Amino acid sequence: MRITKENFIKHFKRGKEAALEYVIDEYAGLVKAIVYNSLQSYNDPHLIEEGVSDTFMGAFENAKQFNGEPEDFRKWICTIAKFKAIDKKRSLAKTPVAAVINDHQLEVKSAEDEFLIQSSTEELLSMMAKLPQVDRDIFTMKYFLNMRNDEIAKQLGLTKASVDNRLYRGKKRLQQFRMGGILT
């Protein structure tokens, strides 16, 4: 059995280790970049490697939940990587750590980052699944791939204003989902 880009999803969903090896070979750089981007402030290479490993194991264990084409798989594994990194941050945040502040520079988190950190991985995935596909794509590009709004607009063939509006409305809907205001 030879794993190719055309058949790897089928074999991955069946739990074939050869498909896992293919996925690791194909997406290791991308996953490591996402995890590194989220955890670089901890300055711990072992933590980053653990996040990468957790991402691939999480994807392999939940492969049957993936529905889509090979081009959708990239977004799916990027989302898992971001959530695994957020979970690592949460677990480290529970551990008391002495903070050193250089030159009185403080890291200021945006409201979006705070919302993502406070939401559990499963809850956020469930809420995002209720959004239209284009909004899910925009959220994935913005918050998991760290793309700018103008880059997202160009990628999706939308105007920047449209992306801005969809992000604003999408955040409002996610907050309503979280508060139980919308149950669809």
N, C-alpha and C. Protein backbone atom coordinates (compact mmCIF):
# COMPACT_ATOMS: atom_id res chain seq x y z
N MET A 1 0.85 -1.17 0.00
CA MET A 1 0.00 0.00 0.00
C MET A 1 0.90 1.24 0.00
N ARG A 2 0.71 2.07 -0.99
CA ARG A 2 1.48 3.30 -1.11
C ARG A 2 0.55 4.47 -0.76
N ILE A 3 1.01 5.31 0.18
CA ILE A 3 0.22 6.46 0.60
C ILE A 3 0.58 7.64 -0.30
N THR A 4 -0.44 8.26 -0.88
CA THR A 4 -0.26 9.41 -1.76
C THR A 4 -1.16 10.54 -1.29
N LYS A 5 -0.99 11.70 -1.91
CA LYS A 5 -1.84 12.82 -1.52
C LYS A 5 -3.31 12.59 -1.91
N GLU A 6 -3.55 11.67 -2.80
CA GLU A 6 -4.92 11.37 -3.20
C GLU A 6 -5.61 10.40 -2.24
N ASN A 7 -4.84 9.52 -1.57
CA ASN A 7 -5.49 8.50 -0.74
C ASN A 7 -5.15 8.57 0.75
N PHE A 8 -4.34 9.56 1.16
CA PHE A 8 -3.89 9.55 2.55
C PHE A 8 -5.02 9.76 3.55
N ILE A 9 -6.04 10.52 3.18
CA ILE A 9 -7.15 10.77 4.11
C ILE A 9 -7.90 9.48 4.41
N LYS A 10 -8.17 8.71 3.37
CA LYS A 10 -8.88 7.44 3.54
C LYS A 10 -8.11 6.53 4.50
N HIS A 11 -6.82 6.41 4.30
CA HIS A 11 -6.00 5.55 5.15
C HIS A 11 -5.80 6.14 6.54
N PHE A 12 -5.71 7.44 6.62
CA PHE A 12 -5.55 8.12 7.91
C PHE A 12 -6.79 7.88 8.78
N LYS A 13 -7.96 7.98 8.16
CA LYS A 13 -9.21 7.76 8.90
C LYS A 13 -9.35 6.30 9.34
N ARG A 14 -8.69 5.40 8.64
CA ARG A 14 -8.74 3.97 9.00
C ARG A 14 -7.69 3.61 10.05
N GLY A 15 -6.89 4.60 10.46
CA GLY A 15 -5.90 4.36 11.51
C GLY A 15 -4.62 3.71 11.03
N LYS A 16 -4.29 3.85 9.77
CA LYS A 16 -3.06 3.26 9.23
C LYS A 16 -1.85 4.12 9.61
N GLU A 17 -0.87 3.49 10.22
CA GLU A 17 0.32 4.22 10.66
C GLU A 17 1.11 4.80 9.50
N ALA A 18 1.08 4.16 8.36
CA ALA A 18 1.76 4.69 7.18
C ALA A 18 1.16 6.04 6.78
N ALA A 19 -0.14 6.18 6.94
CA ALA A 19 -0.79 7.46 6.64
C ALA A 19 -0.38 8.52 7.65
N LEU A 20 -0.23 8.13 8.91
CA LEU A 20 0.25 9.07 9.93
C LEU A 20 1.66 9.55 9.58
N GLU A 21 2.52 8.64 9.16
CA GLU A 21 3.87 9.01 8.76
C GLU A 21 3.84 9.98 7.58
N TYR A 22 2.94 9.73 6.63
CA TYR A 22 2.79 10.64 5.49
C TYR A 22 2.38 12.03 5.96
N VAL A 23 1.39 12.08 6.86
CA VAL A 23 0.89 13.36 7.37
C VAL A 23 2.01 14.10 8.12
N ILE A 24 2.77 13.38 8.92
CA ILE A 24 3.88 14.02 9.64
C ILE A 24 4.90 14.57 8.66
N ASP A 25 5.28 13.78 7.67
CA ASP A 25 6.25 14.25 6.67
C ASP A 25 5.73 15.47 5.92
N GLU A 26 4.47 15.45 5.60
CA GLU A 26 3.87 16.50 4.77
C GLU A 26 3.62 17.80 5.55
N TYR A 27 3.21 17.69 6.82
CA TYR A 27 2.73 18.87 7.55
C TYR A 27 3.58 19.24 8.78
N ALA A 28 4.70 18.57 9.01
CA ALA A 28 5.50 18.84 10.20
C ALA A 28 5.97 20.29 10.28
N GLY A 29 6.45 20.83 9.18
CA GLY A 29 6.93 22.21 9.18
C GLY A 29 5.84 23.21 9.51
N LEU A 30 4.69 23.03 8.92
CA LEU A 30 3.57 23.92 9.15
C LEU A 30 3.09 23.83 10.60
N VAL A 31 2.92 22.63 11.10
CA VAL A 31 2.46 22.44 12.48
C VAL A 31 3.47 23.02 13.47
N LYS A 32 4.75 22.77 13.21
CA LYS A 32 5.77 23.29 14.12
C LYS A 32 5.76 24.82 14.12
N ALA A 33 5.57 25.44 12.99
CA ALA A 33 5.52 26.90 12.91
C ALA A 33 4.35 27.46 13.73
N ILE A 34 3.20 26.81 13.65
CA ILE A 34 2.03 27.28 14.39
C ILE A 34 2.25 27.12 15.89
N VAL A 35 2.73 25.96 16.30
CA VAL A 35 2.98 25.71 17.73
C VAL A 35 4.07 26.66 18.24
N TYR A 36 5.13 26.81 17.47
CA TYR A 36 6.22 27.70 17.86
C TYR A 36 5.72 29.13 18.02
N ASN A 37 4.90 29.59 17.09
CA ASN A 37 4.36 30.95 17.14
C ASN A 37 3.58 31.18 18.42
N SER A 38 2.87 30.17 18.88
CA SER A 38 2.06 30.31 20.10
C SER A 38 2.87 30.15 21.37
N LEU A 39 3.90 29.32 21.34
CA LEU A 39 4.63 28.97 22.58
C LEU A 39 6.06 29.52 22.64
N GLN A 40 6.46 30.33 21.69
CA GLN A 40 7.84 30.81 21.65
C GLN A 40 8.22 31.63 22.89
N SER A 41 7.26 32.29 23.50
CA SER A 41 7.57 33.12 24.67
C SER A 41 8.06 32.29 25.86
N TYR A 42 7.77 30.98 25.87
CA TYR A 42 8.23 30.12 26.96
C TYR A 42 9.68 29.70 26.79
N ASN A 43 10.23 29.91 25.59
CA ASN A 43 11.63 29.62 25.30
C ASN A 43 12.03 28.20 25.72
N ASP A 44 11.17 27.24 25.37
CA ASP A 44 11.40 25.84 25.74
C ASP A 44 11.18 24.95 24.52
N PRO A 45 12.26 24.50 23.87
CA PRO A 45 12.11 23.67 22.67
C PRO A 45 11.38 22.36 22.93
N HIS A 46 11.52 21.82 24.15
CA HIS A 46 10.82 20.57 24.47
C HIS A 46 9.31 20.79 24.51
N LEU A 47 8.90 21.93 24.98
CA LEU A 47 7.48 22.28 25.03
C LEU A 47 6.90 22.36 23.61
N ILE A 48 7.67 22.94 22.72
CA ILE A 48 7.22 23.06 21.32
C ILE A 48 7.14 21.68 20.68
N GLU A 49 8.15 20.85 20.89
CA GLU A 49 8.13 19.49 20.33
C GLU A 49 6.96 18.68 20.89
N GLU A 50 6.67 18.88 22.17
CA GLU A 50 5.54 18.20 22.79
C GLU A 50 4.22 18.66 22.15
N GLY A 51 4.12 19.95 21.87
CA GLY A 51 2.92 20.48 21.20
C GLY A 51 2.75 19.92 19.80
N VAL A 52 3.85 19.79 19.08
CA VAL A 52 3.80 19.22 17.72
C VAL A 52 3.35 17.76 17.80
N SER A 53 3.95 17.02 18.72
CA SER A 53 3.59 15.62 18.89
C SER A 53 2.12 15.46 19.28
N ASP A 54 1.67 16.29 20.22
CA ASP A 54 0.26 16.25 20.64
C ASP A 54 -0.67 16.54 19.47
N THR A 55 -0.25 17.43 18.59
CA THR A 55 -1.08 17.78 17.42
C THR A 55 -1.28 16.56 16.52
N PHE A 56 -0.19 15.89 16.18
CA PHE A 56 -0.32 14.74 15.28
C PHE A 56 -1.06 13.58 15.93
N MET A 57 -0.82 13.36 17.21
CA MET A 57 -1.54 12.29 17.90
C MET A 57 -3.02 12.63 18.03
N GLY A 58 -3.32 13.89 18.32
CA GLY A 58 -4.72 14.32 18.41
C GLY A 58 -5.43 14.17 17.07
N ALA A 59 -4.75 14.54 15.99
CA ALA A 59 -5.34 14.39 14.65
C ALA A 59 -5.55 12.93 14.31
N PHE A 60 -4.58 12.09 14.64
CA PHE A 60 -4.69 10.67 14.34
C PHE A 60 -5.81 10.01 15.13
N GLU A 61 -5.92 10.36 16.41
CA GLU A 61 -6.96 9.79 17.26
C GLU A 61 -8.36 10.25 16.87
N ASN A 62 -8.46 11.44 16.27
CA ASN A 62 -9.76 12.00 15.90
C ASN A 62 -9.95 12.07 14.38
N ALA A 63 -9.22 11.27 13.65
CA ALA A 63 -9.24 11.33 12.19
C ALA A 63 -10.64 11.09 11.61
N LYS A 64 -11.43 10.26 12.28
CA LYS A 64 -12.77 9.95 11.74
C LYS A 64 -13.68 11.17 11.75
N GLN A 65 -13.33 12.19 12.53
CA GLN A 65 -14.14 13.41 12.59
C GLN A 65 -13.89 14.33 11.39
N PHE A 66 -12.78 14.10 10.69
CA PHE A 66 -12.45 14.96 9.54
C PHE A 66 -13.36 14.63 8.37
N ASN A 67 -13.96 15.66 7.83
CA ASN A 67 -14.77 15.53 6.61
C ASN A 67 -14.29 16.59 5.65
N GLY A 68 -13.83 16.18 4.52
CA GLY A 68 -13.38 17.15 3.55
C GLY A 68 -12.38 16.57 2.57
N GLU A 69 -11.86 17.46 1.77
CA GLU A 69 -10.91 17.11 0.73
C GLU A 69 -9.49 17.34 1.24
N PRO A 70 -8.49 16.87 0.50
CA PRO A 70 -7.11 17.07 0.92
C PRO A 70 -6.75 18.55 1.19
N GLU A 71 -7.32 19.48 0.41
CA GLU A 71 -7.01 20.89 0.64
C GLU A 71 -7.63 21.40 1.95
N ASP A 72 -8.71 20.76 2.42
CA ASP A 72 -9.31 21.13 3.71
C ASP A 72 -8.51 20.55 4.88
N PHE A 73 -7.76 19.50 4.64
CA PHE A 73 -7.01 18.84 5.70
C PHE A 73 -5.97 19.78 6.30
N ARG A 74 -5.36 20.61 5.46
CA ARG A 74 -4.36 21.57 5.92
C ARG A 74 -4.97 22.50 6.98
N LYS A 75 -6.14 23.04 6.70
CA LYS A 75 -6.80 23.94 7.65
C LYS A 75 -7.15 23.18 8.93
N TRP A 76 -7.60 21.94 8.78
CA TRP A 76 -8.00 21.13 9.94
C TRP A 76 -6.82 20.87 10.86
N ILE A 77 -5.70 20.48 10.29
CA ILE A 77 -4.54 20.18 11.14
C ILE A 77 -3.95 21.46 11.74
N CYS A 78 -4.05 22.58 11.01
CA CYS A 78 -3.61 23.87 11.57
C CYS A 78 -4.48 24.26 12.77
N THR A 79 -5.76 24.03 12.67
CA THR A 79 -6.68 24.33 13.77
C THR A 79 -6.34 23.47 14.99
N ILE A 80 -6.09 22.20 14.77
CA ILE A 80 -5.71 21.32 15.88
C ILE A 80 -4.42 21.80 16.52
N ALA A 81 -3.44 22.19 15.70
CA ALA A 81 -2.16 22.67 16.23
C ALA A 81 -2.37 23.90 17.11
N LYS A 82 -3.18 24.82 16.64
CA LYS A 82 -3.42 26.05 17.41
C LYS A 82 -4.11 25.72 18.73
N PHE A 83 -5.09 24.83 18.69
CA PHE A 83 -5.80 24.47 19.92
C PHE A 83 -4.90 23.72 20.89
N LYS A 84 -4.04 22.85 20.39
CA LYS A 84 -3.11 22.14 21.28
C LYS A 84 -2.16 23.14 21.94
N ALA A 85 -1.71 24.14 21.19
CA ALA A 85 -0.84 25.16 21.76
C ALA A 85 -1.58 25.99 22.81
N ILE A 86 -2.83 26.31 22.55
CA ILE A 86 -3.64 27.05 23.52
C ILE A 86 -3.84 26.21 24.78
N ASP A 87 -4.10 24.91 24.60
CA ASP A 87 -4.24 24.03 25.76
C ASP A 87 -2.97 24.00 26.59
N LYS A 88 -1.81 23.98 25.91
CA LYS A 88 -0.52 24.01 26.63
C LYS A 88 -0.40 25.31 27.42
N LYS A 89 -0.77 26.42 26.79
CA LYS A 89 -0.71 27.72 27.48
C LYS A 89 -1.59 27.71 28.72
N ARG A 90 -2.79 27.15 28.58
CA ARG A 90 -3.71 27.08 29.72
C ARG A 90 -3.11 26.27 30.86
N SER A 91 -2.55 25.12 30.53
CA SER A 91 -1.99 24.27 31.58
C SER A 91 -0.79 24.94 32.23
N LEU A 92 0.01 25.66 31.46
CA LEU A 92 1.15 26.38 32.03
C LEU A 92 0.70 27.60 32.84
N ALA A 93 -0.42 28.20 32.44
CA ALA A 93 -0.93 29.37 33.17
C ALA A 93 -1.41 28.98 34.57
N LYS A 94 -1.82 27.73 34.74
CA LYS A 94 -2.27 27.27 36.05
C LYS A 94 -1.11 27.06 37.01
N THR A 95 0.10 26.92 36.45
CA THR A 95 1.29 26.74 37.26
C THR A 95 1.83 28.11 37.63
N PRO A 96 2.03 28.39 38.93
CA PRO A 96 2.55 29.71 39.30
C PRO A 96 3.97 29.90 38.77
N VAL A 97 4.17 31.02 38.08
CA VAL A 97 5.47 31.34 37.50
C VAL A 97 5.79 32.79 37.84
N ALA A 98 7.02 33.05 38.25
CA ALA A 98 7.44 34.42 38.52
C ALA A 98 7.69 35.11 37.19
N ALA A 99 7.10 36.27 36.98
CA ALA A 99 7.23 37.00 35.73
C ALA A 99 8.33 38.04 35.84
N VAL A 100 9.12 38.15 34.80
CA VAL A 100 10.15 39.17 34.73
C VAL A 100 9.72 40.15 33.65
N ILE A 101 9.62 41.41 34.03
CA ILE A 101 9.18 42.44 33.08
C ILE A 101 10.37 43.31 32.74
N ASN A 102 10.76 43.28 31.46
CA ASN A 102 11.89 44.08 30.99
C ASN A 102 11.39 45.41 30.46
N ASP A 103 11.99 46.46 30.93
CA ASP A 103 11.66 47.81 30.46
C ASP A 103 10.16 48.10 30.55
N HIS A 104 9.49 47.52 31.48
CA HIS A 104 8.06 47.75 31.73
C HIS A 104 7.18 47.44 30.52
N GLN A 105 7.64 46.56 29.65
CA GLN A 105 6.83 46.17 28.50
C GLN A 105 5.94 45.01 28.91
N LEU A 106 4.67 45.19 28.74
CA LEU A 106 3.69 44.15 29.06
C LEU A 106 3.07 43.64 27.78
N GLU A 107 2.79 42.35 27.75
CA GLU A 107 2.09 41.79 26.60
C GLU A 107 0.61 42.07 26.77
N VAL A 108 0.01 42.73 25.80
CA VAL A 108 -1.40 43.04 25.85
C VAL A 108 -2.13 42.09 24.91
N LYS A 109 -3.06 41.36 25.45
CA LYS A 109 -3.83 40.41 24.65
C LYS A 109 -5.07 41.10 24.11
N SER A 110 -5.41 40.77 22.87
CA SER A 110 -6.63 41.31 22.29
C SER A 110 -7.83 40.57 22.86
N ALA A 111 -8.98 41.14 22.66
CA ALA A 111 -10.22 40.50 23.13
C ALA A 111 -10.40 39.14 22.46
N GLU A 112 -9.99 39.04 21.18
CA GLU A 112 -10.12 37.78 20.46
C GLU A 112 -9.23 36.71 21.09
N ASP A 113 -7.98 37.08 21.44
CA ASP A 113 -7.08 36.13 22.08
C ASP A 113 -7.63 35.68 23.42
N GLU A 114 -8.15 36.61 24.21
CA GLU A 114 -8.73 36.27 25.50
C GLU A 114 -9.90 35.30 25.33
N PHE A 115 -10.74 35.57 24.32
CA PHE A 115 -11.90 34.71 24.08
C PHE A 115 -11.45 33.31 23.70
N LEU A 116 -10.44 33.21 22.82
CA LEU A 116 -9.94 31.90 22.40
C LEU A 116 -9.32 31.14 23.56
N ILE A 117 -8.59 31.83 24.40
CA ILE A 117 -7.94 31.17 25.53
C ILE A 117 -8.98 30.68 26.53
N GLN A 118 -10.05 31.46 26.74
CA GLN A 118 -11.06 31.09 27.73
C GLN A 118 -11.94 29.94 27.25
N SER A 119 -12.11 29.81 25.97
CA SER A 119 -12.99 28.77 25.43
C SER A 119 -12.25 27.44 25.39
N SER A 120 -12.95 26.38 25.67
CA SER A 120 -12.30 25.07 25.55
C SER A 120 -12.21 24.71 24.07
N THR A 121 -11.32 23.85 23.75
CA THR A 121 -11.09 23.45 22.37
C THR A 121 -12.36 22.89 21.75
N GLU A 122 -12.99 21.97 22.44
CA GLU A 122 -14.19 21.33 21.89
C GLU A 122 -15.32 22.34 21.74
N GLU A 123 -15.47 23.23 22.72
CA GLU A 123 -16.53 24.23 22.68
C GLU A 123 -16.34 25.15 21.48
N LEU A 124 -15.12 25.60 21.27
CA LEU A 124 -14.86 26.52 20.18
C LEU A 124 -15.05 25.84 18.82
N LEU A 125 -14.58 24.61 18.68
CA LEU A 125 -14.80 23.88 17.43
C LEU A 125 -16.28 23.70 17.16
N SER A 126 -17.02 23.38 18.19
CA SER A 126 -18.46 23.19 18.05
C SER A 126 -19.14 24.48 17.64
N MET A 127 -18.75 25.58 18.25
CA MET A 127 -19.35 26.87 17.90
C MET A 127 -18.98 27.29 16.49
N MET A 128 -17.71 27.10 16.12
CA MET A 128 -17.29 27.49 14.77
C MET A 128 -17.99 26.65 13.71
N ALA A 129 -18.33 25.42 14.02
CA ALA A 129 -19.02 24.56 13.06
C ALA A 129 -20.39 25.11 12.69
N LYS A 130 -20.94 25.96 13.55
CA LYS A 130 -22.26 26.54 13.29
C LYS A 130 -22.20 27.76 12.37
N LEU A 131 -20.99 28.25 12.13
CA LEU A 131 -20.83 29.39 11.23
C LEU A 131 -20.83 28.93 9.78
N PRO A 132 -21.19 29.82 8.86
CA PRO A 132 -21.09 29.46 7.44
C PRO A 132 -19.64 29.15 7.06
N GLN A 133 -19.44 28.35 6.03
CA GLN A 133 -18.10 27.90 5.63
C GLN A 133 -17.15 29.07 5.41
N VAL A 134 -17.59 30.12 4.73
CA VAL A 134 -16.70 31.25 4.46
C VAL A 134 -16.25 31.91 5.76
N ASP A 135 -17.13 31.99 6.75
CA ASP A 135 -16.75 32.56 8.04
C ASP A 135 -15.77 31.66 8.78
N ARG A 136 -15.97 30.34 8.69
CA ARG A 136 -15.00 29.42 9.31
C ARG A 136 -13.64 29.58 8.67
N ASP A 137 -13.62 29.72 7.34
CA ASP A 137 -12.35 29.93 6.64
C ASP A 137 -11.68 31.22 7.09
N ILE A 138 -12.46 32.28 7.21
CA ILE A 138 -11.91 33.57 7.64
C ILE A 138 -11.35 33.46 9.05
N PHE A 139 -12.10 32.84 9.97
CA PHE A 139 -11.62 32.68 11.35
C PHE A 139 -10.35 31.84 11.40
N THR A 140 -10.30 30.77 10.62
CA THR A 140 -9.12 29.91 10.59
C THR A 140 -7.91 30.69 10.10
N MET A 141 -8.09 31.43 9.03
CA MET A 141 -6.98 32.21 8.48
C MET A 141 -6.53 33.31 9.43
N LYS A 142 -7.49 33.96 10.07
CA LYS A 142 -7.17 35.09 10.95
C LYS A 142 -6.52 34.63 12.25
N TYR A 143 -7.14 33.69 12.94
CA TYR A 143 -6.72 33.38 14.30
C TYR A 143 -5.83 32.14 14.42
N PHE A 144 -5.77 31.32 13.38
CA PHE A 144 -4.95 30.13 13.47
C PHE A 144 -3.76 30.19 12.52
N LEU A 145 -3.92 30.90 11.41
CA LEU A 145 -2.81 31.05 10.49
C LEU A 145 -2.20 32.45 10.59
N ASN A 146 -2.79 33.29 11.45
CA ASN A 146 -2.29 34.65 11.73
C ASN A 146 -2.14 35.51 10.48
N MET A 147 -3.11 35.41 9.58
CA MET A 147 -3.09 36.21 8.37
C MET A 147 -3.76 37.56 8.64
N ARG A 148 -3.33 38.58 7.91
CA ARG A 148 -3.95 39.91 8.01
C ARG A 148 -5.25 39.91 7.22
N ASN A 149 -6.14 40.84 7.56
CA ASN A 149 -7.45 40.89 6.91
C ASN A 149 -7.33 41.11 5.40
N ASP A 150 -6.38 41.95 4.97
CA ASP A 150 -6.23 42.17 3.52
C ASP A 150 -5.73 40.92 2.81
N GLU A 151 -4.89 40.12 3.49
CA GLU A 151 -4.43 38.86 2.90
C GLU A 151 -5.59 37.87 2.78
N ILE A 152 -6.43 37.83 3.80
CA ILE A 152 -7.60 36.94 3.78
C ILE A 152 -8.52 37.34 2.63
N ALA A 153 -8.76 38.64 2.51
CA ALA A 153 -9.64 39.14 1.45
C ALA A 153 -9.13 38.73 0.07
N LYS A 154 -7.84 38.90 -0.14
CA LYS A 154 -7.24 38.52 -1.43
C LYS A 154 -7.37 37.02 -1.67
N GLN A 155 -7.08 36.22 -0.64
CA GLN A 155 -7.14 34.76 -0.75
C GLN A 155 -8.54 34.27 -1.09
N LEU A 156 -9.56 34.90 -0.49
CA LEU A 156 -10.94 34.44 -0.68
C LEU A 156 -11.71 35.21 -1.75
N GLY A 157 -11.08 36.20 -2.35
CA GLY A 157 -11.76 36.98 -3.38
C GLY A 157 -12.84 37.88 -2.82
N LEU A 158 -12.62 38.41 -1.61
CA LEU A 158 -13.57 39.31 -0.96
C LEU A 158 -12.92 40.67 -0.79
N THR A 159 -13.72 41.66 -0.42
CA THR A 159 -13.14 42.96 -0.08
C THR A 159 -12.68 42.92 1.37
N LYS A 160 -11.75 43.79 1.72
CA LYS A 160 -11.27 43.87 3.10
C LYS A 160 -12.43 44.24 4.03
N ALA A 161 -13.29 45.13 3.58
CA ALA A 161 -14.45 45.54 4.39
C ALA A 161 -15.36 44.34 4.67
N SER A 162 -15.52 43.48 3.68
CA SER A 162 -16.35 42.28 3.87
C SER A 162 -15.73 41.36 4.92
N VAL A 163 -14.42 41.18 4.86
CA VAL A 163 -13.73 40.34 5.85
C VAL A 163 -13.87 40.96 7.23
N ASP A 164 -13.67 42.28 7.33
CA ASP A 164 -13.82 42.97 8.62
C ASP A 164 -15.22 42.76 9.19
N ASN A 165 -16.23 42.93 8.33
CA ASN A 165 -17.63 42.76 8.78
C ASN A 165 -17.91 41.33 9.20
N ARG A 166 -17.42 40.36 8.44
CA ARG A 166 -17.66 38.95 8.78
C ARG A 166 -16.97 38.57 10.09
N LEU A 167 -15.77 39.11 10.32
CA LEU A 167 -15.09 38.86 11.59
C LEU A 167 -15.88 39.46 12.75
N TYR A 168 -16.35 40.68 12.58
CA TYR A 168 -17.11 41.34 13.63
C TYR A 168 -18.40 40.57 13.95
N ARG A 169 -19.15 40.26 12.89
CA ARG A 169 -20.41 39.53 13.10
C ARG A 169 -20.15 38.12 13.62
N GLY A 170 -19.12 37.47 13.11
CA GLY A 170 -18.79 36.12 13.56
C GLY A 170 -18.43 36.09 15.03
N LYS A 171 -17.65 37.07 15.50
CA LYS A 171 -17.30 37.13 16.92
C LYS A 171 -18.55 37.32 17.77
N LYS A 172 -19.45 38.16 17.30
CA LYS A 172 -20.71 38.37 18.04
C LYS A 172 -21.50 37.07 18.11
N ARG A 173 -21.57 36.35 16.99
CA ARG A 173 -22.31 35.08 16.98
C ARG A 173 -21.66 34.05 17.90
N LEU A 174 -20.33 33.98 17.88
CA LEU A 174 -19.63 33.04 18.76
C LEU A 174 -19.89 33.37 20.23
N GLN A 175 -19.92 34.66 20.55
CA GLN A 175 -20.23 35.05 21.92
C GLN A 175 -21.66 34.65 22.29
N GLN A 176 -22.59 34.81 21.33
CA GLN A 176 -23.97 34.40 21.58
C GLN A 176 -24.07 32.89 21.75
N PHE A 177 -23.35 32.14 20.92
CA PHE A 177 -23.33 30.68 21.07
C PHE A 177 -22.83 30.31 22.46
N ARG A 178 -21.76 30.98 22.86
CA ARG A 178 -21.14 30.67 24.15
C ARG A 178 -22.08 30.97 25.30
N MET A 179 -22.83 32.04 25.19
CA MET A 179 -23.75 32.43 26.27
C MET A 179 -25.07 31.65 26.17
N GLY A 180 -25.20 30.82 25.15
CA GLY A 180 -26.42 30.02 25.02
C GLY A 180 -27.55 30.75 24.33
N GLY A 181 -27.23 31.90 23.72
CA GLY A 181 -28.28 32.70 23.08
C GLY A 181 -28.76 32.12 21.77
N ILE A 182 -27.90 31.37 21.09
CA ILE A 182 -28.27 30.76 19.80
C ILE A 182 -28.00 29.27 19.93
N LEU A 183 -28.99 28.48 19.67
CA LEU A 183 -28.84 27.05 19.84
C LEU A 183 -28.88 26.29 18.52
N THR A 184 -28.82 26.97 17.41
CA THR A 184 -28.89 26.28 16.12
C THR A 184 -27.62 25.59 15.78
